[in-house]
C-alpha atoms as a PDB file:
ATOM      1  CA  MET A   1     103.539 113.638  82.874  1.00  0.00           C
ATOM      2  CA  ILE A   2      99.749 113.368  82.523  1.00  0.00           C
ATOM      3  CA  ALA A   3     100.059 109.885  81.021  1.00  0.00           C
ATOM      4  CA  SER A   4     102.351 108.793  83.860  1.00  0.00           C
ATOM      5  CA  LEU A   5      99.996 110.155  86.512  1.00  0.00           C
ATOM      6  CA  SER A   6      97.144 108.411  84.718  1.00  0.00           C
ATOM      7  CA  LEU A   7      99.075 105.129  84.838  1.00  0.00           C
ATOM      8  CA  ILE A   8      99.657 105.524  88.575  1.00  0.00           C
ATOM      9  CA  LEU A   9      95.960 106.238  89.172  1.00  0.00           C
ATOM     10  CA  LEU A  10      94.933 103.406  86.850  1.00  0.00           C
ATOM     11  CA  CYS A  11      97.032 100.950  88.846  1.00  0.00           C
ATOM     12  CA  GLN A  12      95.384 102.224  92.025  1.00  0.00           C
ATOM     13  CA  LEU A  13      91.940 101.822  90.456  1.00  0.00           C
ATOM     14  CA  ILE A  14      92.697  98.278  89.296  1.00  0.00           C
ATOM     15  CA  GLY A  15      93.903  97.421  92.799  1.00  0.00           C
ATOM     16  CA  GLU A  16      90.743  98.871  94.322  1.00  0.00           C
ATOM     17  CA  VAL A  17      88.489  96.945  91.927  1.00  0.00           C
ATOM     18  CA  PHE A  18      90.468  93.741  92.563  1.00  0.00           C
ATOM     19  CA  VAL A  19      90.214  94.054  96.353  1.00  0.00           C
ATOM     20  CA  ARG A  20      86.535  94.966  96.367  1.00  0.00           C
ATOM     21  CA  GLY A  21      85.682  92.328  93.786  1.00  0.00           C
ATOM     22  CA  LEU A  22      87.322  89.552  95.782  1.00  0.00           C
ATOM     23  CA  GLY A  23      86.428  90.985  99.196  1.00  0.00           C
ATOM     24  CA  LEU A  24      90.047  90.964 100.372  1.00  0.00           C
ATOM     25  CA  PRO A  25      90.781  92.567 103.768  1.00  0.00           C
ATOM     26  CA  MET A  26      93.517  94.888 102.502  1.00  0.00           C
ATOM     27  CA  PRO A  27      93.705  98.344 100.932  1.00  0.00           C
ATOM     28  CA  GLY A  28      93.279  98.468  97.185  1.00  0.00           C
ATOM     29  CA  PRO A  29      96.123 100.951  96.655  1.00  0.00           C
ATOM     30  CA  VAL A  30      98.536  98.362  98.078  1.00  0.00           C
ATOM     31  CA  ILE A  31      97.584  95.961  95.275  1.00  0.00           C
ATOM     32  CA  GLY A  32      97.844  98.858  92.818  1.00  0.00           C
ATOM     33  CA  LEU A  33     101.323  99.670  94.085  1.00  0.00           C
ATOM     34  CA  ILE A  34     102.382  96.047  93.649  1.00  0.00           C
ATOM     35  CA  LEU A  35     100.964  96.121  90.118  1.00  0.00           C
ATOM     36  CA  LEU A  36     102.881  99.314  89.330  1.00  0.00           C
ATOM     37  CA  LEU A  37     106.057  97.769  90.736  1.00  0.00           C
ATOM     38  CA  LEU A  38     105.577  94.696  88.547  1.00  0.00           C
ATOM     39  CA  LEU A  39     105.041  96.929  85.507  1.00  0.00           C
ATOM     40  CA  LEU A  40     108.236  98.868  86.232  1.00  0.00           C
ATOM     41  CA  LEU A  41     110.229  95.676  86.779  1.00  0.00           C
ATOM     42  CA  ALA A  42     108.851  94.224  83.540  1.00  0.00           C
ATOM     43  CA  ARG A  43     109.733  97.470  81.726  1.00  0.00           C
ATOM     44  CA  ASP A  44     113.344  97.149  82.853  1.00  0.00           C
ATOM     45  CA  ARG A  45     113.553  93.479  81.921  1.00  0.00           C
ATOM     46  CA  PHE A  46     111.655  93.607  78.593  1.00  0.00           C
ATOM     47  CA  PRO A  47     112.443  96.755  76.562  1.00  0.00           C
ATOM     48  CA  GLN A  48     109.481  96.202  74.204  1.00  0.00           C
ATOM     49  CA  ILE A  49     107.120  97.047  77.109  1.00  0.00           C
ATOM     50  CA  ALA A  50     108.726 100.486  77.538  1.00  0.00           C
ATOM     51  CA  ARG A  51     106.123 102.451  75.579  1.00  0.00           C
ATOM     52  CA  GLY A  52     103.883 105.359  76.452  1.00  0.00           C
ATOM     53  CA  PRO A  53     104.010 106.330  80.129  1.00  0.00           C
ATOM     54  CA  LEU A  54     106.475 103.521  80.877  1.00  0.00           C
ATOM     55  CA  GLN A  55     108.944 105.021  78.411  1.00  0.00           C
ATOM     56  CA  GLY A  56     112.024 106.674  79.898  1.00  0.00           C
ATOM     57  CA  ASP A  57     111.621 107.899  83.438  1.00  0.00           C
ATOM     58  CA  GLY A  58     108.070 109.244  83.064  1.00  0.00           C
ATOM     59  CA  VAL A  59     106.615 107.388  86.039  1.00  0.00           C
ATOM     60  CA  GLU A  60     109.619 108.267  88.183  1.00  0.00           C
ATOM     61  CA  SER A  61     109.373 111.996  87.397  1.00  0.00           C
ATOM     62  CA  ALA A  62     105.611 111.962  88.014  1.00  0.00           C
ATOM     63  CA  SER A  63     106.242 110.229  91.341  1.00  0.00           C
ATOM     64  CA  ARG A  64     108.836 112.849  92.281  1.00  0.00           C
ATOM     65  CA  GLY A  65     106.300 115.536  91.439  1.00  0.00           C
ATOM     66  CA  LEU A  66     103.720 113.885  93.712  1.00  0.00           C
ATOM     67  CA  LEU A  67     106.264 113.542  96.506  1.00  0.00           C
ATOM     68  CA  ALA A  68     107.129 117.230  96.220  1.00  0.00           C
ATOM     69  CA  VAL A  69     103.538 118.186  97.104  1.00  0.00           C
ATOM     70  CA  LEU A  70     102.796 115.266  99.424  1.00  0.00           C
ATOM     71  CA  SER A  71     102.518 117.515 102.466  1.00  0.00           C
ATOM     72  CA  LEU A  72      99.565 119.322 100.845  1.00  0.00           C
ATOM     73  CA  LEU A  73      97.638 116.059 100.793  1.00  0.00           C
ATOM     74  CA  PHE A  74      97.688 116.000 104.599  1.00  0.00           C
ATOM     75  CA  VAL A  75      95.997 119.411 104.948  1.00  0.00           C
ATOM     76  CA  PRO A  76      92.408 118.037 104.809  1.00  0.00           C
ATOM     77  CA  ALA A  77      93.238 115.450 107.471  1.00  0.00           C
ATOM     78  CA  GLY A  78      94.766 118.154 109.673  1.00  0.00           C
ATOM     79  CA  VAL A  79      91.690 120.343 109.246  1.00  0.00           C
ATOM     80  CA  GLY A  80      89.493 117.401 110.218  1.00  0.00           C
ATOM     81  CA  VAL A  81      91.518 116.826 113.386  1.00  0.00           C
ATOM     82  CA  VAL A  82      91.302 120.510 114.327  1.00  0.00           C
ATOM     83  CA  GLN A  83      87.539 120.504 113.740  1.00  0.00           C
ATOM     84  CA  LYS A  84      87.120 117.522 116.088  1.00  0.00           C
ATOM     85  CA  LEU A  85      89.532 118.700 118.781  1.00  0.00           C
ATOM     86  CA  HIS A  86      86.831 118.393 121.443  1.00  0.00           C
ATOM     87  CA  LEU A  87      86.566 114.661 120.694  1.00  0.00           C
ATOM     88  CA  LEU A  88      90.328 114.348 120.876  1.00  0.00           C
ATOM     89  CA  ALA A  89      90.352 116.050 124.267  1.00  0.00           C
ATOM     90  CA  GLU A  90      87.466 113.891 125.463  1.00  0.00           C
ATOM     91  CA  HIS A  91      88.824 110.531 124.263  1.00  0.00           C
ATOM     92  CA  GLY A  92      92.545 111.295 123.943  1.00  0.00           C
ATOM     93  CA  ILE A  93      93.775 108.780 126.519  1.00  0.00           C
ATOM     94  CA  ALA A  94      91.716 105.972 124.988  1.00  0.00           C
ATOM     95  CA  LEU A  95      93.003 106.833 121.504  1.00  0.00           C
ATOM     96  CA  LEU A  96      96.604 106.819 122.714  1.00  0.00           C
ATOM     97  CA  LEU A  97      96.122 103.428 124.377  1.00  0.00           C
ATOM     98  CA  ILE A  98      94.538 101.978 121.243  1.00  0.00           C
ATOM     99  CA  LEU A  99      97.348 103.355 119.067  1.00  0.00           C
ATOM    100  CA  ALA A 100      99.993 101.970 121.408  1.00  0.00           C
ATOM    101  CA  ALA A 101      98.303  98.557 121.513  1.00  0.00           C
ATOM    102  CA  SER A 102      97.972  98.434 117.732  1.00  0.00           C
ATOM    103  CA  VAL A 103     101.674  99.249 117.302  1.00  0.00           C
ATOM    104  CA  VAL A 104     102.649  96.480 119.677  1.00  0.00           C
END
C-alpha cells in the first residue's frame, strides 16, 4: 500500500515538475493523473511492466483507501471558509455571479 501511494504521489510530483518546468497553464496533478493512467494502461497491455506497486491491484486498492477518506481532505477548506465568513457575507453576490459566469 505504501509503495502504491508513493507511486500516485510520484506521478503527481512529476506532473507538477513538468508543468512548472514548461510553464504550462494547467494543474500539475492533471498531468500526473494522465501519467498514472498511461502507466496502468501499459501495465495491462505489457505484463512485464507489472512489478512493484503496479503489480496486482495495488494502485487500485490504494486509490480506494484514499477515496474512503476523501471527505477528510475537505475539512481544512471548510475551516477556511468558516474563518472568512465575513468576507463571504460582504462579497457573496459578486462571488455567486463570478461562479455562474465561469460555469457558463
